[in-house]
């Protein structure tokens, strides 16, 4: 059975694959070459894979489901996704 909400165009596994074409997860700050804020993640995904996503919020929800790390930077007190380019 597909994993779709009522108004979702694509199954979650397709959306996971689309995000994996843009980012790979980092497991810690030391391994992260591309820490991005929510806005930066949405911008990058929409630029490269936007036709697959219904909204910016959907991108963040998929990132959370994929268990990408979203960590606090102690220096500037902002949260970042710990990512590497795909």
PDB file of N, CA and C in Angstrom:
ATOM      1  N   UNK A   1       0.848  -1.186   0.000  1.00  0.00           N
ATOM      2  CA  UNK A   1       0.000   0.000   0.000  1.00  0.00           C
ATOM      3  C   UNK A   1       0.890   1.246   0.000  1.00  0.00           C
ATOM      4  N   UNK A   2       0.681   2.187  -0.906  1.00  0.00           N
ATOM      5  CA  UNK A   2       1.525   3.382  -0.953  1.00  0.00           C
ATOM      6  C   UNK A   2       1.396   4.230   0.302  1.00  0.00           C
ATOM      7  N   UNK A   3       2.472   4.895   0.638  1.00  0.00           N
ATOM      8  CA  UNK A   3       2.517   5.757   1.812  1.00  0.00           C
ATOM      9  C   UNK A   3       2.247   7.192   1.368  1.00  0.00           C
ATOM     10  N   UNK A   4       0.956   7.519   1.087  1.00  0.00           N
ATOM     11  CA  UNK A   4       0.573   8.831   0.578  1.00  0.00           C
ATOM     12  C   UNK A   4      -0.455   9.475   1.493  1.00  0.00           C
ATOM     13  N   UNK A   5      -0.330  10.778   1.682  1.00  0.00           N
ATOM     14  CA  UNK A   5      -1.406  11.511   2.332  1.00  0.00           C
ATOM     15  C   UNK A   5      -2.443  11.813   1.251  1.00  0.00           C
ATOM     16  N   UNK A   6      -3.575  12.343   1.634  1.00  0.00           N
ATOM     17  CA  UNK A   6      -4.674  12.568   0.701  1.00  0.00           C
ATOM     18  C   UNK A   6      -4.287  13.423  -0.503  1.00  0.00           C
ATOM     19  N   UNK A   7      -3.440  14.431  -0.302  1.00  0.00           N
ATOM     20  CA  UNK A   7      -3.109  15.349  -1.390  1.00  0.00           C
ATOM     21  C   UNK A   7      -1.658  15.225  -1.869  1.00  0.00           C
ATOM     22  N   UNK A   8      -0.970  14.175  -1.484  1.00  0.00           N
ATOM     23  CA  UNK A   8       0.437  13.993  -1.823  1.00  0.00           C
ATOM     24  C   UNK A   8       0.575  13.363  -3.202  1.00  0.00           C
ATOM     25  N   UNK A   9       1.454  13.924  -4.038  1.00  0.00           N
ATOM     26  CA  UNK A   9       1.650  13.443  -5.408  1.00  0.00           C
ATOM     27  C   UNK A   9       2.476  12.156  -5.483  1.00  0.00           C
ATOM     28  N   UNK A  10       3.506  12.067  -4.629  1.00  0.00           N
ATOM     29  CA  UNK A  10       4.447  10.953  -4.706  1.00  0.00           C
ATOM     30  C   UNK A  10       4.547  10.226  -3.374  1.00  0.00           C
ATOM     31  N   UNK A  11       4.783   8.930  -3.448  1.00  0.00           N
ATOM     32  CA  UNK A  11       4.995   8.090  -2.277  1.00  0.00           C
ATOM     33  C   UNK A  11       6.257   8.551  -1.537  1.00  0.00           C
ATOM     34  N   UNK A  12       6.277   8.354  -0.224  1.00  0.00           N
ATOM     35  CA  UNK A  12       7.426   8.791   0.578  1.00  0.00           C
ATOM     36  C   UNK A  12       8.737   8.164   0.118  1.00  0.00           C
ATOM     37  N   UNK A  13       8.729   6.917  -0.296  1.00  0.00           N
ATOM     38  CA  UNK A  13      10.001   6.304  -0.709  1.00  0.00           C
ATOM     39  C   UNK A  13      10.578   7.009  -1.938  1.00  0.00           C
ATOM     40  N   UNK A  14       9.725   7.533  -2.813  1.00  0.00           N
ATOM     41  CA  UNK A  14      10.193   8.320  -3.959  1.00  0.00           C
ATOM     42  C   UNK A  14      10.802   9.636  -3.466  1.00  0.00           C
ATOM     43  N   UNK A  15      10.140  10.261  -2.488  1.00  0.00           N
ATOM     44  CA  UNK A  15      10.649  11.524  -1.940  1.00  0.00           C
ATOM     45  C   UNK A  15      11.972  11.311  -1.212  1.00  0.00           C
ATOM     46  N   UNK A  16      12.109  10.187  -0.510  1.00  0.00           N
ATOM     47  CA  UNK A  16      13.386   9.856   0.141  1.00  0.00           C
ATOM     48  C   UNK A  16      14.497   9.791  -0.911  1.00  0.00           C
ATOM     49  N   UNK A  17      14.223   9.104  -2.009  1.00  0.00           N
ATOM     50  CA  UNK A  17      15.222   8.970  -3.076  1.00  0.00           C
ATOM     51  C   UNK A  17      15.583  10.321  -3.671  1.00  0.00           C
ATOM     52  N   UNK A  18      14.608  11.187  -3.830  1.00  0.00           N
ATOM     53  CA  UNK A  18      14.857  12.520  -4.386  1.00  0.00           C
ATOM     54  C   UNK A  18      15.776  13.327  -3.477  1.00  0.00           C
ATOM     55  N   UNK A  19      15.547  13.253  -2.177  1.00  0.00           N
ATOM     56  CA  UNK A  19      16.410  13.973  -1.235  1.00  0.00           C
ATOM     57  C   UNK A  19      17.804  13.365  -1.231  1.00  0.00           C
ATOM     58  N   UNK A  20      17.900  12.042  -1.339  1.00  0.00           N
ATOM     59  CA  UNK A  20      19.210  11.390  -1.362  1.00  0.00           C
ATOM     60  C   UNK A  20      20.012  11.745  -2.613  1.00  0.00           C
ATOM     61  N   UNK A  21      19.357  12.267  -3.635  1.00  0.00           N
ATOM     62  CA  UNK A  21      20.088  12.750  -4.809  1.00  0.00           C
ATOM     63  C   UNK A  21      20.738  14.108  -4.548  1.00  0.00           C
ATOM     64  N   UNK A  22      20.299  14.779  -3.483  1.00  0.00           N
ATOM     65  CA  UNK A  22      20.815  16.104  -3.140  1.00  0.00           C
ATOM     66  C   UNK A  22      21.765  16.033  -1.944  1.00  0.00           C
ATOM     67  N   UNK A  23      21.386  15.272  -0.920  1.00  0.00           N
ATOM     68  CA  UNK A  23      22.132  15.218   0.342  1.00  0.00           C
ATOM     69  C   UNK A  23      22.401  13.794   0.796  1.00  0.00           C
ATOM     70  N   UNK A  24      23.489  13.653   1.509  1.00  0.00           N
ATOM     71  CA  UNK A  24      23.788  12.457   2.289  1.00  0.00           C
ATOM     72  C   UNK A  24      23.888  12.905   3.740  1.00  0.00           C
ATOM     73  N   UNK A  25      23.426  12.084   4.674  1.00  0.00           N
ATOM     74  CA  UNK A  25      23.491  12.505   6.077  1.00  0.00           C
ATOM     75  C   UNK A  25      24.918  12.447   6.621  1.00  0.00           C
ATOM     76  N   UNK A  26      25.216  13.378   7.487  1.00  0.00           N
ATOM     77  CA  UNK A  26      26.462  13.327   8.261  1.00  0.00           C
ATOM     78  C   UNK A  26      26.087  12.776   9.639  1.00  0.00           C
ATOM     79  N   UNK A  27      26.996  12.073  10.259  1.00  0.00           N
ATOM     80  CA  UNK A  27      26.697  11.456  11.544  1.00  0.00           C
ATOM     81  C   UNK A  27      27.102  12.313  12.740  1.00  0.00           C
ATOM     82  N   UNK A  28      27.890  13.367  12.457  1.00  0.00           N
ATOM     83  CA  UNK A  28      28.318  14.279  13.528  1.00  0.00           C
ATOM     84  C   UNK A  28      28.875  15.546  12.880  1.00  0.00           C
ATOM     85  N   UNK A  29      29.057  16.577  13.696  1.00  0.00           N
ATOM     86  CA  UNK A  29      29.551  17.859  13.192  1.00  0.00           C
ATOM     87  C   UNK A  29      30.885  17.707  12.469  1.00  0.00           C
ATOM     88  N   UNK A  30      31.794  16.880  12.997  1.00  0.00           N
ATOM     89  CA  UNK A  30      33.121  16.732  12.421  1.00  0.00           C
ATOM     90  C   UNK A  30      33.093  16.150  11.010  1.00  0.00           C
ATOM     91  N   UNK A  31      32.039  15.401  10.677  1.00  0.00           N
ATOM     92  CA  UNK A  31      31.920  14.784   9.357  1.00  0.00           C
ATOM     93  C   UNK A  31      31.058  15.596   8.408  1.00  0.00           C
ATOM     94  N   UNK A  32      30.547  16.707   8.870  1.00  0.00           N
ATOM     95  CA  UNK A  32      29.593  17.500   8.108  1.00  0.00           C
ATOM     96  C   UNK A  32      30.310  18.556   7.269  1.00  0.00           C
ATOM     97  N   UNK A  33      30.072  18.522   5.965  1.00  0.00           N
ATOM     98  CA  UNK A  33      30.667  19.530   5.087  1.00  0.00           C
ATOM     99  C   UNK A  33      29.645  20.557   4.616  1.00  0.00           C
ATOM    100  N   UNK A  34      28.362  20.327   4.925  1.00  0.00           N
ATOM    101  CA  UNK A  34      27.313  21.196   4.420  1.00  0.00           C
ATOM    102  C   UNK A  34      26.209  21.392   5.473  1.00  0.00           C
ATOM    103  N   UNK A  35      26.510  22.058   6.590  1.00  0.00           N
ATOM    104  CA  UNK A  35      25.435  22.313   7.554  1.00  0.00           C
ATOM    105  C   UNK A  35      24.479  23.365   6.986  1.00  0.00           C
ATOM    106  N   UNK A  36      23.184  23.041   6.981  1.00  0.00           N
ATOM    107  CA  UNK A  36      22.203  23.945   6.399  1.00  0.00           C
ATOM    108  C   UNK A  36      21.020  24.160   7.336  1.00  0.00           C
ATOM    109  N   UNK A  37      20.472  25.367   7.297  1.00  0.00           N
ATOM    110  CA  UNK A  37      19.252  25.667   8.041  1.00  0.00           C
ATOM    111  C   UNK A  37      18.052  25.098   7.279  1.00  0.00           C
ATOM    112  N   UNK A  38      16.888  25.135   7.910  1.00  0.00           N
ATOM    113  CA  UNK A  38      15.671  24.681   7.231  1.00  0.00           C
ATOM    114  C   UNK A  38      15.471  25.414   5.909  1.00  0.00           C
ATOM    115  N   UNK A  39      15.604  26.732   5.932  1.00  0.00           N
ATOM    116  CA  UNK A  39      15.391  27.533   4.722  1.00  0.00           C
ATOM    117  C   UNK A  39      16.382  27.142   3.623  1.00  0.00           C
ATOM    118  N   UNK A  40      17.630  26.902   3.992  1.00  0.00           N
ATOM    119  CA  UNK A  40      18.645  26.524   3.006  1.00  0.00           C
ATOM    120  C   UNK A  40      18.378  25.133   2.421  1.00  0.00           C
ATOM    121  N   UNK A  41      17.921  24.208   3.270  1.00  0.00           N
ATOM    122  CA  UNK A  41      17.577  22.864   2.801  1.00  0.00           C
ATOM    123  C   UNK A  41      16.435  22.950   1.794  1.00  0.00           C
ATOM    124  N   UNK A  42      15.390  23.685   2.159  1.00  0.00           N
ATOM    125  CA  UNK A  42      14.236  23.818   1.269  1.00  0.00           C
ATOM    126  C   UNK A  42      14.653  24.443  -0.062  1.00  0.00           C
ATOM    127  N   UNK A  43      15.448  25.490  -0.002  1.00  0.00           N
ATOM    128  CA  UNK A  43      15.900  26.163  -1.224  1.00  0.00           C
ATOM    129  C   UNK A  43      16.665  25.196  -2.131  1.00  0.00           C
ATOM    130  N   UNK A  44      17.589  24.443  -1.556  1.00  0.00           N
ATOM    131  CA  UNK A  44      18.423  23.517  -2.335  1.00  0.00           C
ATOM    132  C   UNK A  44      17.581  22.389  -2.941  1.00  0.00           C
ATOM    133  N   UNK A  45      16.682  21.799  -2.141  1.00  0.00           N
ATOM    134  CA  UNK A  45      15.854  20.704  -2.651  1.00  0.00           C
ATOM    135  C   UNK A  45      14.894  21.216  -3.718  1.00  0.00           C
ATOM    136  N   UNK A  46      14.278  22.367  -3.483  1.00  0.00           N
ATOM    137  CA  UNK A  46      13.350  22.915  -4.472  1.00  0.00           C
ATOM    138  C   UNK A  46      14.072  23.245  -5.778  1.00  0.00           C
ATOM    139  N   UNK A  47      15.305  23.703  -5.673  1.00  0.00           N
ATOM    140  CA  UNK A  47      16.098  24.029  -6.856  1.00  0.00           C
ATOM    141  C   UNK A  47      16.376  22.783  -7.700  1.00  0.00           C
ATOM    142  N   UNK A  48      16.671  21.665  -7.028  1.00  0.00           N
ATOM    143  CA  UNK A  48      17.094  20.469  -7.756  1.00  0.00           C
ATOM    144  C   UNK A  48      15.994  19.430  -7.951  1.00  0.00           C
ATOM    145  N   UNK A  49      15.038  19.361  -7.022  1.00  0.00           N
ATOM    146  CA  UNK A  49      14.033  18.301  -7.065  1.00  0.00           C
ATOM    147  C   UNK A  49      12.621  18.816  -6.761  1.00  0.00           C
ATOM    148  N   UNK A  50      12.392  20.093  -6.895  1.00  0.00           N
ATOM    149  CA  UNK A  50      11.149  20.726  -6.473  1.00  0.00           C
ATOM    150  C   UNK A  50       9.884  20.163  -7.085  1.00  0.00           C
ATOM    151  N   UNK A  51       9.952  19.626  -8.301  1.00  0.00           N
ATOM    152  CA  UNK A  51       8.750  19.123  -8.959  1.00  0.00           C
ATOM    153  C   UNK A  51       8.138  17.922  -8.233  1.00  0.00           C
ATOM    154  N   UNK A  52       8.892  17.301  -7.327  1.00  0.00           N
ATOM    155  CA  UNK A  52       8.397  16.131  -6.612  1.00  0.00           C
ATOM    156  C   UNK A  52       7.694  16.480  -5.298  1.00  0.00           C
ATOM    157  N   UNK A  53       7.898  17.684  -4.803  1.00  0.00           N
ATOM    158  CA  UNK A  53       7.405  18.047  -3.480  1.00  0.00           C
ATOM    159  C   UNK A  53       6.229  19.006  -3.568  1.00  0.00           C
ATOM    160  N   UNK A  54       5.260  18.790  -2.686  1.00  0.00           N
ATOM    161  CA  UNK A  54       4.039  19.594  -2.668  1.00  0.00           C
ATOM    162  C   UNK A  54       4.210  20.919  -1.941  1.00  0.00           C
ATOM    163  N   UNK A  55       5.161  20.975  -0.995  1.00  0.00           N
ATOM    164  CA  UNK A  55       5.346  22.187  -0.203  1.00  0.00           C
ATOM    165  C   UNK A  55       6.715  22.160   0.475  1.00  0.00           C
ATOM    166  N   UNK A  56       7.209  23.317   0.910  1.00  0.00           N
ATOM    167  CA  UNK A  56       8.456  23.342   1.677  1.00  0.00           C
ATOM    168  C   UNK A  56       8.349  22.533   2.976  1.00  0.00           C
ATOM    169  N   UNK A  57       7.193  22.562   3.600  1.00  0.00           N
ATOM    170  CA  UNK A  57       6.992  21.822   4.846  1.00  0.00           C
ATOM    171  C   UNK A  57       7.158  20.321   4.626  1.00  0.00           C
ATOM    172  N   UNK A  58       6.732  19.844   3.462  1.00  0.00           N
ATOM    173  CA  UNK A  58       6.854  18.417   3.160  1.00  0.00           C
ATOM    174  C   UNK A  58       8.320  18.001   3.113  1.00  0.00           C
ATOM    175  N   UNK A  59       9.181  18.854   2.610  1.00  0.00           N
ATOM    176  CA  UNK A  59      10.614  18.547   2.559  1.00  0.00           C
ATOM    177  C   UNK A  59      11.156  18.343   3.964  1.00  0.00           C
ATOM    178  N   UNK A  60      10.823  19.245   4.872  1.00  0.00           N
ATOM    179  CA  UNK A  60      11.309  19.127   6.248  1.00  0.00           C
ATOM    180  C   UNK A  60      10.749  17.882   6.917  1.00  0.00           C
ATOM    181  N   UNK A  61       9.484  17.567   6.688  1.00  0.00           N
ATOM    182  CA  UNK A  61       8.887  16.356   7.261  1.00  0.00           C
ATOM    183  C   UNK A  61       9.594  15.102   6.751  1.00  0.00           C
ATOM    184  N   UNK A  62       9.922  15.075   5.480  1.00  0.00           N
ATOM    185  CA  UNK A  62      10.636  13.923   4.913  1.00  0.00           C
ATOM    186  C   UNK A  62      12.037  13.835   5.512  1.00  0.00           C
ATOM    187  N   UNK A  63      12.711  14.962   5.669  1.00  0.00           N
ATOM    188  CA  UNK A  63      14.047  14.965   6.300  1.00  0.00           C
ATOM    189  C   UNK A  63      13.972  14.388   7.710  1.00  0.00           C
ATOM    190  N   UNK A  64      12.937  14.756   8.450  1.00  0.00           N
ATOM    191  CA  UNK A  64      12.753  14.236   9.807  1.00  0.00           C
ATOM    192  C   UNK A  64      12.489  12.738   9.779  1.00  0.00           C
ATOM    193  N   UNK A  65      11.651  12.284   8.853  1.00  0.00           N
ATOM    194  CA  UNK A  65      11.368  10.855   8.735  1.00  0.00           C
ATOM    195  C   UNK A  65      12.605  10.057   8.360  1.00  0.00           C
ATOM    196  N   UNK A  66      13.485  10.666   7.582  1.00  0.00           N
ATOM    197  CA  UNK A  66      14.718  10.001   7.170  1.00  0.00           C
ATOM    198  C   UNK A  66      15.741   9.983   8.300  1.00  0.00           C
ATOM    199  N   UNK A  67      15.435  10.674   9.367  1.00  0.00           N
ATOM    200  CA  UNK A  67      16.298  10.746  10.556  1.00  0.00           C
ATOM    201  C   UNK A  67      17.639  11.422  10.288  1.00  0.00           C
ATOM    202  N   UNK A  68      17.627  12.398   9.397  1.00  0.00           N
ATOM    203  CA  UNK A  68      18.802  13.247   9.233  1.00  0.00           C
ATOM    204  C   UNK A  68      18.979  14.022  10.533  1.00  0.00           C
ATOM    205  N   UNK A  69      20.197  14.263  10.938  1.00  0.00           N
ATOM    206  CA  UNK A  69      20.458  14.963  12.199  1.00  0.00           C
ATOM    207  C   UNK A  69      20.216  16.457  12.061  1.00  0.00           C
ATOM    208  N   UNK A  70      19.520  17.020  13.038  1.00  0.00           N
ATOM    209  CA  UNK A  70      19.218  18.450  13.111  1.00  0.00           C
ATOM    210  C   UNK A  70      19.743  18.906  14.458  1.00  0.00           C
ATOM    211  N   UNK A  71      20.903  19.548  14.470  1.00  0.00           N
ATOM    212  CA  UNK A  71      21.636  19.825  15.703  1.00  0.00           C
ATOM    213  C   UNK A  71      21.825  21.314  15.962  1.00  0.00           C
ATOM    214  N   UNK A  72      21.973  21.632  17.222  1.00  0.00           N
ATOM    215  CA  UNK A  72      22.244  23.002  17.654  1.00  0.00           C
ATOM    216  C   UNK A  72      23.725  23.314  17.505  1.00  0.00           C
ATOM    217  N   UNK A  73      24.028  24.455  16.899  1.00  0.00           N
ATOM    218  CA  UNK A  73      25.392  24.960  16.840  1.00  0.00           C
ATOM    219  C   UNK A  73      25.579  25.822  18.089  1.00  0.00           C
ATOM    220  N   UNK A  74      26.445  25.418  18.960  1.00  0.00           N
ATOM    221  CA  UNK A  74      26.647  26.113  20.239  1.00  0.00           C
ATOM    222  C   UNK A  74      27.206  27.523  20.057  1.00  0.00           C
ATOM    223  N   UNK A  75      27.902  27.787  18.966  1.00  0.00           N
ATOM    224  CA  UNK A  75      28.534  29.085  18.754  1.00  0.00           C
ATOM    225  C   UNK A  75      27.531  30.176  18.403  1.00  0.00           C
ATOM    226  N   UNK A  76      26.550  29.848  17.562  1.00  0.00           N
ATOM    227  CA  UNK A  76      25.598  30.883  17.163  1.00  0.00           C
ATOM    228  C   UNK A  76      24.161  30.602  17.619  1.00  0.00           C
ATOM    229  N   UNK A  77      23.980  29.476  18.329  1.00  0.00           N
ATOM    230  CA  UNK A  77      22.677  29.104  18.906  1.00  0.00           C
ATOM    231  C   UNK A  77      21.599  28.883  17.830  1.00  0.00           C
ATOM    232  N   UNK A  78      22.008  28.440  16.635  1.00  0.00           N
ATOM    233  CA  UNK A  78      21.076  28.105  15.569  1.00  0.00           C
ATOM    234  C   UNK A  78      21.131  26.606  15.303  1.00  0.00           C
ATOM    235  N   UNK A  79      20.035  26.061  14.797  1.00  0.00           N
ATOM    236  CA  UNK A  79      19.984  24.650  14.439  1.00  0.00           C
ATOM    237  C   UNK A  79      20.323  24.469  12.961  1.00  0.00           C
ATOM    238  N   UNK A  80      21.006  23.369  12.676  1.00  0.00           N
ATOM    239  CA  UNK A  80      21.405  23.045  11.315  1.00  0.00           C
ATOM    240  C   UNK A  80      21.192  21.557  11.049  1.00  0.00           C
ATOM    241  N   UNK A  81      20.848  21.244   9.800  1.00  0.00           N
ATOM    242  CA  UNK A  81      20.864  19.870   9.347  1.00  0.00           C
ATOM    243  C   UNK A  81      22.322  19.516   9.049  1.00  0.00           C
ATOM    244  N   UNK A  82      22.767  18.358   9.529  1.00  0.00           N
ATOM    245  CA  UNK A  82      24.148  17.925   9.294  1.00  0.00           C
ATOM    246  C   UNK A  82      24.159  17.098   8.015  1.00  0.00           C
ATOM    247  N   UNK A  83      24.671  17.705   6.947  1.00  0.00           N
ATOM    248  CA  UNK A  83      24.576  17.114   5.617  1.00  0.00           C
ATOM    249  C   UNK A  83      25.903  17.156   4.879  1.00  0.00           C
ATOM    250  N   UNK A  84      25.967  16.312   3.892  1.00  0.00           N
ATOM    251  CA  UNK A  84      27.052  16.312   2.927  1.00  0.00           C
ATOM    252  C   UNK A  84      26.417  16.284   1.540  1.00  0.00           C
ATOM    253  N   UNK A  85      27.092  16.797   0.528  1.00  0.00           N
ATOM    254  CA  UNK A  85      26.522  16.719  -0.815  1.00  0.00           C
ATOM    255  C   UNK A  85      26.439  15.273  -1.277  1.00  0.00           C
ATOM    256  N   UNK A  86      25.468  14.992  -2.092  1.00  0.00           N
ATOM    257  CA  UNK A  86      25.307  13.617  -2.620  1.00  0.00           C
ATOM    258  C   UNK A  86      26.333  13.340  -3.701  1.00  0.00           C
TER     259      UNK A  86
END
